[in-house]
Amino acid sequence: MAKLGSDKRPAVVRVRTMPKGEQIVALCERHHWKAIVGIEPDQPEDLSDIDLLLRGPAGERPAPRADPRIGRNDYCPCGSGKKFKNCCAAP
């Protein structure tokens, strides 16, 4: 699927007044986004695509990294100086 705000998938915005539409167009030009702005005084405003663009991509969060595993022959992280298998991992 194409990225929102690109040529293949422009942001679709509905506003009630011409000045508000001009503000949206200026915002999109500053960020190099493509948008279709409709001025419809009798319809509610729909700025959801612009909100998505301003918030940034939600699905591209980096995966949480797991802490590196401690091997049995590594030194214990508690700071005792002993091997892990003889310190904190010992039953």
PDB file of N, CA and C in Angstrom:
ATOM      1  N   MET A   1       0.843  -1.167   0.000  1.00  0.00           N
ATOM      2  CA  MET A   1       0.000   0.000   0.000  1.00  0.00           C
ATOM      3  C   MET A   1       0.892   1.235   0.000  1.00  0.00           C
ATOM      4  N   ALA A   2       0.496   2.238  -0.742  1.00  0.00           N
ATOM      5  CA  ALA A   2       1.274   3.470  -0.849  1.00  0.00           C
ATOM      6  C   ALA A   2       1.214   4.263   0.454  1.00  0.00           C
ATOM      7  N   LYS A   3       2.237   5.062   0.665  1.00  0.00           N
ATOM      8  CA  LYS A   3       2.340   5.877   1.873  1.00  0.00           C
ATOM      9  C   LYS A   3       1.345   7.037   1.805  1.00  0.00           C
ATOM     10  N   LEU A   4       0.693   7.308   2.919  1.00  0.00           N
ATOM     11  CA  LEU A   4      -0.262   8.406   3.001  1.00  0.00           C
ATOM     12  C   LEU A   4       0.465   9.726   2.761  1.00  0.00           C
ATOM     13  N   GLY A   5      -0.109  10.569   1.910  1.00  0.00           N
ATOM     14  CA  GLY A   5       0.496  11.854   1.585  1.00  0.00           C
ATOM     15  C   GLY A   5       1.368  11.807   0.349  1.00  0.00           C
ATOM     16  N   SER A   6       1.407  10.660  -0.333  1.00  0.00           N
ATOM     17  CA  SER A   6       2.203  10.530  -1.546  1.00  0.00           C
ATOM     18  C   SER A   6       1.318  10.763  -2.778  1.00  0.00           C
ATOM     19  N   ASP A   7       1.928  10.724  -3.953  1.00  0.00           N
ATOM     20  CA  ASP A   7       1.166  10.917  -5.192  1.00  0.00           C
ATOM     21  C   ASP A   7       0.109   9.836  -5.378  1.00  0.00           C
ATOM     22  N   LYS A   8       0.447   8.611  -5.001  1.00  0.00           N
ATOM     23  CA  LYS A   8      -0.481   7.502  -5.203  1.00  0.00           C
ATOM     24  C   LYS A   8      -1.577   7.444  -4.149  1.00  0.00           C
ATOM     25  N   ARG A   9      -1.337   8.051  -2.979  1.00  0.00           N
ATOM     26  CA  ARG A   9      -2.335   8.039  -1.902  1.00  0.00           C
ATOM     27  C   ARG A   9      -2.341   9.400  -1.184  1.00  0.00           C
ATOM     28  N   PRO A  10      -2.920  10.402  -1.823  1.00  0.00           N
ATOM     29  CA  PRO A  10      -2.934  11.725  -1.180  1.00  0.00           C
ATOM     30  C   PRO A  10      -3.870  11.749   0.026  1.00  0.00           C
ATOM     31  N   ALA A  11      -3.578  12.659   0.929  1.00  0.00           N
ATOM     32  CA  ALA A  11      -4.450  12.853   2.089  1.00  0.00           C
ATOM     33  C   ALA A  11      -5.723  13.544   1.616  1.00  0.00           C
ATOM     34  N   VAL A  12      -6.865  13.068   2.063  1.00  0.00           N
ATOM     35  CA  VAL A  12      -8.157  13.657   1.691  1.00  0.00           C
ATOM     36  C   VAL A  12      -8.686  14.410   2.905  1.00  0.00           C
ATOM     37  N   VAL A  13      -8.934  15.711   2.702  1.00  0.00           N
ATOM     38  CA  VAL A  13      -9.331  16.592   3.793  1.00  0.00           C
ATOM     39  C   VAL A  13     -10.598  17.332   3.394  1.00  0.00           C
ATOM     40  N   ARG A  14     -11.507  17.481   4.359  1.00  0.00           N
ATOM     41  CA  ARG A  14     -12.731  18.252   4.115  1.00  0.00           C
ATOM     42  C   ARG A  14     -12.800  19.350   5.167  1.00  0.00           C
ATOM     43  N   VAL A  15     -12.918  20.611   4.691  1.00  0.00           N
ATOM     44  CA  VAL A  15     -13.020  21.761   5.590  1.00  0.00           C
ATOM     45  C   VAL A  15     -14.256  22.566   5.223  1.00  0.00           C
ATOM     46  N   ARG A  16     -14.620  23.503   6.097  1.00  0.00           N
ATOM     47  CA  ARG A  16     -15.833  24.302   5.867  1.00  0.00           C
ATOM     48  C   ARG A  16     -15.553  25.654   5.224  1.00  0.00           C
ATOM     49  N   THR A  17     -14.357  26.212   5.425  1.00  0.00           N
ATOM     50  CA  THR A  17     -14.083  27.555   4.921  1.00  0.00           C
ATOM     51  C   THR A  17     -12.836  27.573   4.048  1.00  0.00           C
ATOM     52  N   MET A  18     -12.771  28.573   3.187  1.00  0.00           N
ATOM     53  CA  MET A  18     -11.633  28.729   2.281  1.00  0.00           C
ATOM     54  C   MET A  18     -10.328  29.048   3.041  1.00  0.00           C
ATOM     55  N   PRO A  19     -10.342  29.946   4.038  1.00  0.00           N
ATOM     56  CA  PRO A  19      -9.084  30.207   4.764  1.00  0.00           C
ATOM     57  C   PRO A  19      -8.516  28.958   5.445  1.00  0.00           C
ATOM     58  N   LYS A  20      -9.379  28.128   5.992  1.00  0.00           N
ATOM     59  CA  LYS A  20      -8.923  26.880   6.626  1.00  0.00           C
ATOM     60  C   LYS A  20      -8.321  25.954   5.572  1.00  0.00           C
ATOM     61  N   GLY A  21      -8.933  25.901   4.404  1.00  0.00           N
ATOM     62  CA  GLY A  21      -8.398  25.090   3.314  1.00  0.00           C
ATOM     63  C   GLY A  21      -7.031  25.573   2.870  1.00  0.00           C
ATOM     64  N   GLU A  22      -6.842  26.892   2.815  1.00  0.00           N
ATOM     65  CA  GLU A  22      -5.546  27.445   2.438  1.00  0.00           C
ATOM     66  C   GLU A  22      -4.480  27.118   3.477  1.00  0.00           C
ATOM     67  N   GLN A  23      -4.867  27.099   4.749  1.00  0.00           N
ATOM     68  CA  GLN A  23      -3.923  26.724   5.812  1.00  0.00           C
ATOM     69  C   GLN A  23      -3.486  25.272   5.650  1.00  0.00           C
ATOM     70  N   ILE A  24      -4.433  24.398   5.342  1.00  0.00           N
ATOM     71  CA  ILE A  24      -4.119  22.974   5.155  1.00  0.00           C
ATOM     72  C   ILE A  24      -3.198  22.794   3.952  1.00  0.00           C
ATOM     73  N   VAL A  25      -3.480  23.498   2.860  1.00  0.00           N
ATOM     74  CA  VAL A  25      -2.636  23.398   1.665  1.00  0.00           C
ATOM     75  C   VAL A  25      -1.227  23.885   1.977  1.00  0.00           C
ATOM     76  N   ALA A  26      -1.098  24.991   2.714  1.00  0.00           N
ATOM     77  CA  ALA A  26       0.231  25.502   3.078  1.00  0.00           C
ATOM     78  C   ALA A  26       0.982  24.504   3.963  1.00  0.00           C
ATOM     79  N   LEU A  27       0.282  23.893   4.905  1.00  0.00           N
ATOM     80  CA  LEU A  27       0.897  22.887   5.772  1.00  0.00           C
ATOM     81  C   LEU A  27       1.414  21.708   4.955  1.00  0.00           C
ATOM     82  N   CYS A  28       0.601  21.254   4.028  1.00  0.00           N
ATOM     83  CA  CYS A  28       0.992  20.109   3.193  1.00  0.00           C
ATOM     84  C   CYS A  28       2.181  20.457   2.301  1.00  0.00           C
ATOM     85  N   GLU A  29       2.210  21.673   1.778  1.00  0.00           N
ATOM     86  CA  GLU A  29       3.335  22.073   0.939  1.00  0.00           C
ATOM     87  C   GLU A  29       4.625  22.150   1.739  1.00  0.00           C
ATOM     88  N   ARG A  30       4.544  22.622   2.989  1.00  0.00           N
ATOM     89  CA  ARG A  30       5.744  22.698   3.836  1.00  0.00           C
ATOM     90  C   ARG A  30       6.339  21.328   4.093  1.00  0.00           C
ATOM     91  N   HIS A  31       5.463  20.325   4.249  1.00  0.00           N
ATOM     92  CA  HIS A  31       5.919  18.964   4.555  1.00  0.00           C
ATOM     93  C   HIS A  31       6.065  18.099   3.308  1.00  0.00           C
ATOM     94  N   HIS A  32       5.814  18.675   2.136  1.00  0.00           N
ATOM     95  CA  HIS A  32       5.900  17.954   0.858  1.00  0.00           C
ATOM     96  C   HIS A  32       4.929  16.777   0.796  1.00  0.00           C
ATOM     97  N   TRP A  33       3.731  16.994   1.343  1.00  0.00           N
ATOM     98  CA  TRP A  33       2.668  15.998   1.278  1.00  0.00           C
ATOM     99  C   TRP A  33       1.735  16.354   0.143  1.00  0.00           C
ATOM    100  N   LYS A  34       1.117  15.368  -0.439  1.00  0.00           N
ATOM    101  CA  LYS A  34       0.077  15.577  -1.449  1.00  0.00           C
ATOM    102  C   LYS A  34      -1.267  15.460  -0.750  1.00  0.00           C
ATOM    103  N   ALA A  35      -2.158  16.403  -1.052  1.00  0.00           N
ATOM    104  CA  ALA A  35      -3.464  16.398  -0.387  1.00  0.00           C
ATOM    105  C   ALA A  35      -4.537  16.874  -1.349  1.00  0.00           C
ATOM    106  N   ILE A  36      -5.737  16.373  -1.125  1.00  0.00           N
ATOM    107  CA  ILE A  36      -6.934  16.833  -1.830  1.00  0.00           C
ATOM    108  C   ILE A  36      -7.790  17.515  -0.773  1.00  0.00           C
ATOM    109  N   VAL A  37      -7.994  18.805  -0.944  1.00  0.00           N
ATOM    110  CA  VAL A  37      -8.747  19.587   0.034  1.00  0.00           C
ATOM    111  C   VAL A  37     -10.083  19.961  -0.582  1.00  0.00           C
ATOM    112  N   GLY A  38     -11.156  19.553   0.069  1.00  0.00           N
ATOM    113  CA  GLY A  38     -12.502  19.897  -0.376  1.00  0.00           C
ATOM    114  C   GLY A  38     -13.127  20.897   0.582  1.00  0.00           C
ATOM    115  N   ILE A  39     -13.743  21.928   0.034  1.00  0.00           N
ATOM    116  CA  ILE A  39     -14.413  22.931   0.858  1.00  0.00           C
ATOM    117  C   ILE A  39     -15.910  22.680   0.759  1.00  0.00           C
ATOM    118  N   GLU A  40     -16.481  22.204   1.852  1.00  0.00           N
ATOM    119  CA  GLU A  40     -17.896  21.867   1.898  1.00  0.00           C
ATOM    120  C   GLU A  40     -18.496  22.475   3.166  1.00  0.00           C
ATOM    121  N   PRO A  41     -19.136  23.652   3.045  1.00  0.00           N
ATOM    122  CA  PRO A  41     -19.657  24.340   4.226  1.00  0.00           C
ATOM    123  C   PRO A  41     -20.761  23.585   4.964  1.00  0.00           C
ATOM    124  N   ASP A  42     -21.473  22.703   4.275  1.00  0.00           N
ATOM    125  CA  ASP A  42     -22.597  22.011   4.905  1.00  0.00           C
ATOM    126  C   ASP A  42     -22.223  20.644   5.493  1.00  0.00           C
ATOM    127  N   GLN A  43     -20.956  20.245   5.390  1.00  0.00           N
ATOM    128  CA  GLN A  43     -20.499  18.948   5.907  1.00  0.00           C
ATOM    129  C   GLN A  43     -19.556  19.168   7.095  1.00  0.00           C
ATOM    130  N   PRO A  44     -19.455  18.212   7.996  1.00  0.00           N
ATOM    131  CA  PRO A  44     -18.492  18.345   9.097  1.00  0.00           C
ATOM    132  C   PRO A  44     -17.058  18.241   8.571  1.00  0.00           C
ATOM    133  N   GLU A  45     -16.146  18.907   9.256  1.00  0.00           N
ATOM    134  CA  GLU A  45     -14.742  18.859   8.844  1.00  0.00           C
ATOM    135  C   GLU A  45     -14.163  17.472   9.100  1.00  0.00           C
ATOM    136  N   ASP A  46     -13.286  17.047   8.191  1.00  0.00           N
ATOM    137  CA  ASP A  46     -12.608  15.762   8.324  1.00  0.00           C
ATOM    138  C   ASP A  46     -11.115  15.997   8.119  1.00  0.00           C
ATOM    139  N   LEU A  47     -10.384  16.035   9.213  1.00  0.00           N
ATOM    140  CA  LEU A  47      -8.941  16.264   9.169  1.00  0.00           C
ATOM    141  C   LEU A  47      -8.170  15.029   9.622  1.00  0.00           C
ATOM    142  N   SER A  48      -8.790  13.875   9.554  1.00  0.00           N
ATOM    143  CA  SER A  48      -8.168  12.656  10.097  1.00  0.00           C
ATOM    144  C   SER A  48      -6.884  12.285   9.361  1.00  0.00           C
ATOM    145  N   ASP A  49      -6.832  12.457   8.032  1.00  0.00           N
ATOM    146  CA  ASP A  49      -5.610  12.121   7.304  1.00  0.00           C
ATOM    147  C   ASP A  49      -4.460  13.040   7.704  1.00  0.00           C
ATOM    148  N   ILE A  50      -4.751  14.327   7.898  1.00  0.00           N
ATOM    149  CA  ILE A  50      -3.708  15.262   8.320  1.00  0.00           C
ATOM    150  C   ILE A  50      -3.237  14.913   9.738  1.00  0.00           C
ATOM    151  N   ASP A  51      -4.153  14.531  10.604  1.00  0.00           N
ATOM    152  CA  ASP A  51      -3.773  14.114  11.959  1.00  0.00           C
ATOM    153  C   ASP A  51      -2.829  12.921  11.907  1.00  0.00           C
ATOM    154  N   LEU A  52      -3.129  11.957  11.040  1.00  0.00           N
ATOM    155  CA  LEU A  52      -2.260  10.783  10.910  1.00  0.00           C
ATOM    156  C   LEU A  52      -0.875  11.180  10.419  1.00  0.00           C
ATOM    157  N   LEU A  53      -0.828  12.094   9.466  1.00  0.00           N
ATOM    158  CA  LEU A  53       0.465  12.530   8.945  1.00  0.00           C
ATOM    159  C   LEU A  53       1.270  13.293   9.993  1.00  0.00           C
ATOM    160  N   LEU A  54       0.607  14.114  10.780  1.00  0.00           N
ATOM    161  CA  LEU A  54       1.300  14.896  11.798  1.00  0.00           C
ATOM    162  C   LEU A  54       1.812  14.030  12.941  1.00  0.00           C
ATOM    163  N   ARG A  55       1.066  12.987  13.284  1.00  0.00           N
ATOM    164  CA  ARG A  55       1.488  12.093  14.372  1.00  0.00           C
ATOM    165  C   ARG A  55       2.620  11.182  13.952  1.00  0.00           C
ATOM    166  N   GLY A  56       2.738  10.931  12.674  1.00  0.00           N
ATOM    167  CA  GLY A  56       3.792  10.044  12.195  1.00  0.00           C
ATOM    168  C   GLY A  56       3.297   8.616  12.119  1.00  0.00           C
ATOM    169  N   PRO A  57       4.106   7.752  11.579  1.00  0.00           N
ATOM    170  CA  PRO A  57       3.702   6.356  11.416  1.00  0.00           C
ATOM    171  C   PRO A  57       3.594   5.636  12.746  1.00  0.00           C
ATOM    172  N   ALA A  58       2.446   5.023  12.972  1.00  0.00           N
ATOM    173  CA  ALA A  58       2.225   4.307  14.229  1.00  0.00           C
ATOM    174  C   ALA A  58       2.766   2.885  14.169  1.00  0.00           C
ATOM    175  N   GLY A  59       2.748   2.276  13.007  1.00  0.00           N
ATOM    176  CA  GLY A  59       3.148   0.878  12.888  1.00  0.00           C
ATOM    177  C   GLY A  59       4.638   0.671  12.750  1.00  0.00           C
ATOM    178  N   GLU A  60       5.438   1.713  12.689  1.00  0.00           N
ATOM    179  CA  GLU A  60       6.864   1.554  12.467  1.00  0.00           C
ATOM    180  C   GLU A  60       7.672   1.788  13.741  1.00  0.00           C
ATOM    181  N   ARG A  61       7.181   1.346  14.827  1.00  0.00           N
ATOM    182  CA  ARG A  61       7.923   1.464  16.078  1.00  0.00           C
ATOM    183  C   ARG A  61       9.006   0.393  16.111  1.00  0.00           C
ATOM    184  N   PRO A  62      10.153   0.723  16.656  1.00  0.00           N
ATOM    185  CA  PRO A  62      11.199  -0.294  16.737  1.00  0.00           C
ATOM    186  C   PRO A  62      10.800  -1.401  17.712  1.00  0.00           C
ATOM    187  N   ALA A  63      11.180  -2.597  17.378  1.00  0.00           N
ATOM    188  CA  ALA A  63      10.861  -3.743  18.229  1.00  0.00           C
ATOM    189  C   ALA A  63      11.643  -3.639  19.528  1.00  0.00           C
ATOM    190  N   PRO A  64      11.011  -3.951  20.649  1.00  0.00           N
ATOM    191  CA  PRO A  64      11.748  -3.886  21.914  1.00  0.00           C
ATOM    192  C   PRO A  64      12.850  -4.939  21.934  1.00  0.00           C
ATOM    193  N   ARG A  65      13.995  -4.521  22.377  1.00  0.00           N
ATOM    194  CA  ARG A  65      15.130  -5.449  22.417  1.00  0.00           C
ATOM    195  C   ARG A  65      15.164  -6.159  23.758  1.00  0.00           C
ATOM    196  N   ALA A  66      15.372  -7.448  23.687  1.00  0.00           N
ATOM    197  CA  ALA A  66      15.493  -8.239  24.912  1.00  0.00           C
ATOM    198  C   ALA A  66      16.899  -8.058  25.477  1.00  0.00           C
ATOM    199  N   ASP A  67      17.003  -8.123  26.775  1.00  0.00           N
ATOM    200  CA  ASP A  67      18.315  -8.032  27.395  1.00  0.00           C
ATOM    201  C   ASP A  67      19.149  -9.232  26.958  1.00  0.00           C
ATOM    202  N   PRO A  68      20.447  -9.030  26.784  1.00  0.00           N
ATOM    203  CA  PRO A  68      21.269 -10.173  26.366  1.00  0.00           C
ATOM    204  C   PRO A  68      21.257 -11.258  27.434  1.00  0.00           C
ATOM    205  N   ARG A  69      21.183 -12.474  26.982  1.00  0.00           N
ATOM    206  CA  ARG A  69      21.146 -13.598  27.916  1.00  0.00           C
ATOM    207  C   ARG A  69      22.509 -13.788  28.554  1.00  0.00           C
ATOM    208  N   ILE A  70      22.490 -14.246  29.759  1.00  0.00           N
ATOM    209  CA  ILE A  70      23.729 -14.504  30.492  1.00  0.00           C
ATOM    210  C   ILE A  70      24.057 -15.983  30.349  1.00  0.00           C
ATOM    211  N   GLY A  71      25.215 -16.258  29.812  1.00  0.00           N
ATOM    212  CA  GLY A  71      25.647 -17.646  29.673  1.00  0.00           C
ATOM    213  C   GLY A  71      26.085 -18.217  31.016  1.00  0.00           C
ATOM    214  N   ARG A  72      26.040 -19.530  31.128  1.00  0.00           N
ATOM    215  CA  ARG A  72      26.401 -20.158  32.400  1.00  0.00           C
ATOM    216  C   ARG A  72      27.854 -19.905  32.766  1.00  0.00           C
ATOM    217  N   ASN A  73      28.720 -19.738  31.766  1.00  0.00           N
ATOM    218  CA  ASN A  73      30.141 -19.525  32.047  1.00  0.00           C
ATOM    219  C   ASN A  73      30.539 -18.052  32.054  1.00  0.00           C
ATOM    220  N   ASP A  74      29.578 -17.160  31.918  1.00  0.00           N
ATOM    221  CA  ASP A  74      29.864 -15.722  32.024  1.00  0.00           C
ATOM    222  C   ASP A  74      29.930 -15.343  33.497  1.00  0.00           C
ATOM    223  N   TYR A  75      30.581 -14.212  33.762  1.00  0.00           N
ATOM    224  CA  TYR A  75      30.623 -13.741  35.141  1.00  0.00           C
ATOM    225  C   TYR A  75      29.239 -13.243  35.542  1.00  0.00           C
ATOM    226  N   CYS A  76      28.918 -13.410  36.797  1.00  0.00           N
ATOM    227  CA  CYS A  76      27.595 -13.076  37.311  1.00  0.00           C
ATOM    228  C   CYS A  76      27.395 -11.555  37.296  1.00  0.00           C
ATOM    229  N   PRO A  77      26.220 -11.091  36.877  1.00  0.00           N
ATOM    230  CA  PRO A  77      25.974  -9.648  36.834  1.00  0.00           C
ATOM    231  C   PRO A  77      25.796  -9.026  38.218  1.00  0.00           C
ATOM    232  N   CYS A  78      25.712  -9.824  39.264  1.00  0.00           N
ATOM    233  CA  CYS A  78      25.550  -9.265  40.608  1.00  0.00           C
ATOM    234  C   CYS A  78      26.840  -8.614  41.112  1.00  0.00           C
ATOM    235  N   GLY A  79      27.967  -8.897  40.438  1.00  0.00           N
ATOM    236  CA  GLY A  79      29.226  -8.262  40.813  1.00  0.00           C
ATOM    237  C   GLY A  79      30.064  -9.057  41.795  1.00  0.00           C
ATOM    238  N   SER A  80      29.709 -10.308  42.039  1.00  0.00           N
ATOM    239  CA  SER A  80      30.450 -11.109  43.023  1.00  0.00           C
ATOM    240  C   SER A  80      31.799 -11.574  42.492  1.00  0.00           C
ATOM    241  N   GLY A  81      31.969 -11.601  41.175  1.00  0.00           N
ATOM    242  CA  GLY A  81      33.210 -12.079  40.584  1.00  0.00           C
ATOM    243  C   GLY A  81      33.191 -13.567  40.295  1.00  0.00           C
ATOM    244  N   LYS A  82      32.125 -14.252  40.681  1.00  0.00           N
ATOM    245  CA  LYS A  82      32.001 -15.687  40.428  1.00  0.00           C
ATOM    246  C   LYS A  82      31.346 -15.906  39.074  1.00  0.00           C
ATOM    247  N   LYS A  83      31.475 -17.135  38.589  1.00  0.00           N
ATOM    248  CA  LYS A  83      30.762 -17.507  37.374  1.00  0.00           C
ATOM    249  C   LYS A  83      29.269 -17.585  37.692  1.00  0.00           C
ATOM    250  N   PHE A  84      28.450 -17.284  36.715  1.00  0.00           N
ATOM    251  CA  PHE A  84      27.008 -17.256  36.908  1.00  0.00           C
ATOM    252  C   PHE A  84      26.479 -18.607  37.385  1.00  0.00           C
ATOM    253  N   LYS A  85      27.042 -19.703  36.838  1.00  0.00           N
ATOM    254  CA  LYS A  85      26.541 -21.041  37.203  1.00  0.00           C
ATOM    255  C   LYS A  85      26.830 -21.383  38.664  1.00  0.00           C
ATOM    256  N   ASN A  86      27.836 -20.738  39.273  1.00  0.00           N
ATOM    257  CA  ASN A  86      28.183 -20.999  40.667  1.00  0.00           C
ATOM    258  C   ASN A  86      27.640 -19.939  41.620  1.00  0.00           C
ATOM    259  N   CYS A  87      26.933 -18.947  41.088  1.00  0.00           N
ATOM    260  CA  CYS A  87      26.465 -17.853  41.935  1.00  0.00           C
ATOM    261  C   CYS A  87      24.934 -17.798  41.907  1.00  0.00           C
ATOM    262  N   CYS A  88      24.387 -16.926  41.121  1.00  0.00           N
ATOM    263  CA  CYS A  88      22.932 -16.691  41.109  1.00  0.00           C
ATOM    264  C   CYS A  88      22.138 -17.773  40.382  1.00  0.00           C
ATOM    265  N   ALA A  89      22.785 -18.532  39.500  1.00  0.00           N
ATOM    266  CA  ALA A  89      22.064 -19.587  38.781  1.00  0.00           C
ATOM    267  C   ALA A  89      22.097 -20.904  39.536  1.00  0.00           C
ATOM    268  N   ALA A  90      22.861 -20.973  40.609  1.00  0.00           N
ATOM    269  CA  ALA A  90      22.960 -22.216  41.375  1.00  0.00           C
ATOM    270  C   ALA A  90      21.641 -22.478  42.089  1.00  0.00           C
ATOM    271  N   PRO A  91      21.153 -23.709  42.039  1.00  0.00           N
ATOM    272  CA  PRO A  91      19.869 -24.020  42.698  1.00  0.00           C
ATOM    273  C   PRO A  91      19.961 -24.051  44.197  1.00  0.00           C
TER     274      PRO A  91
END
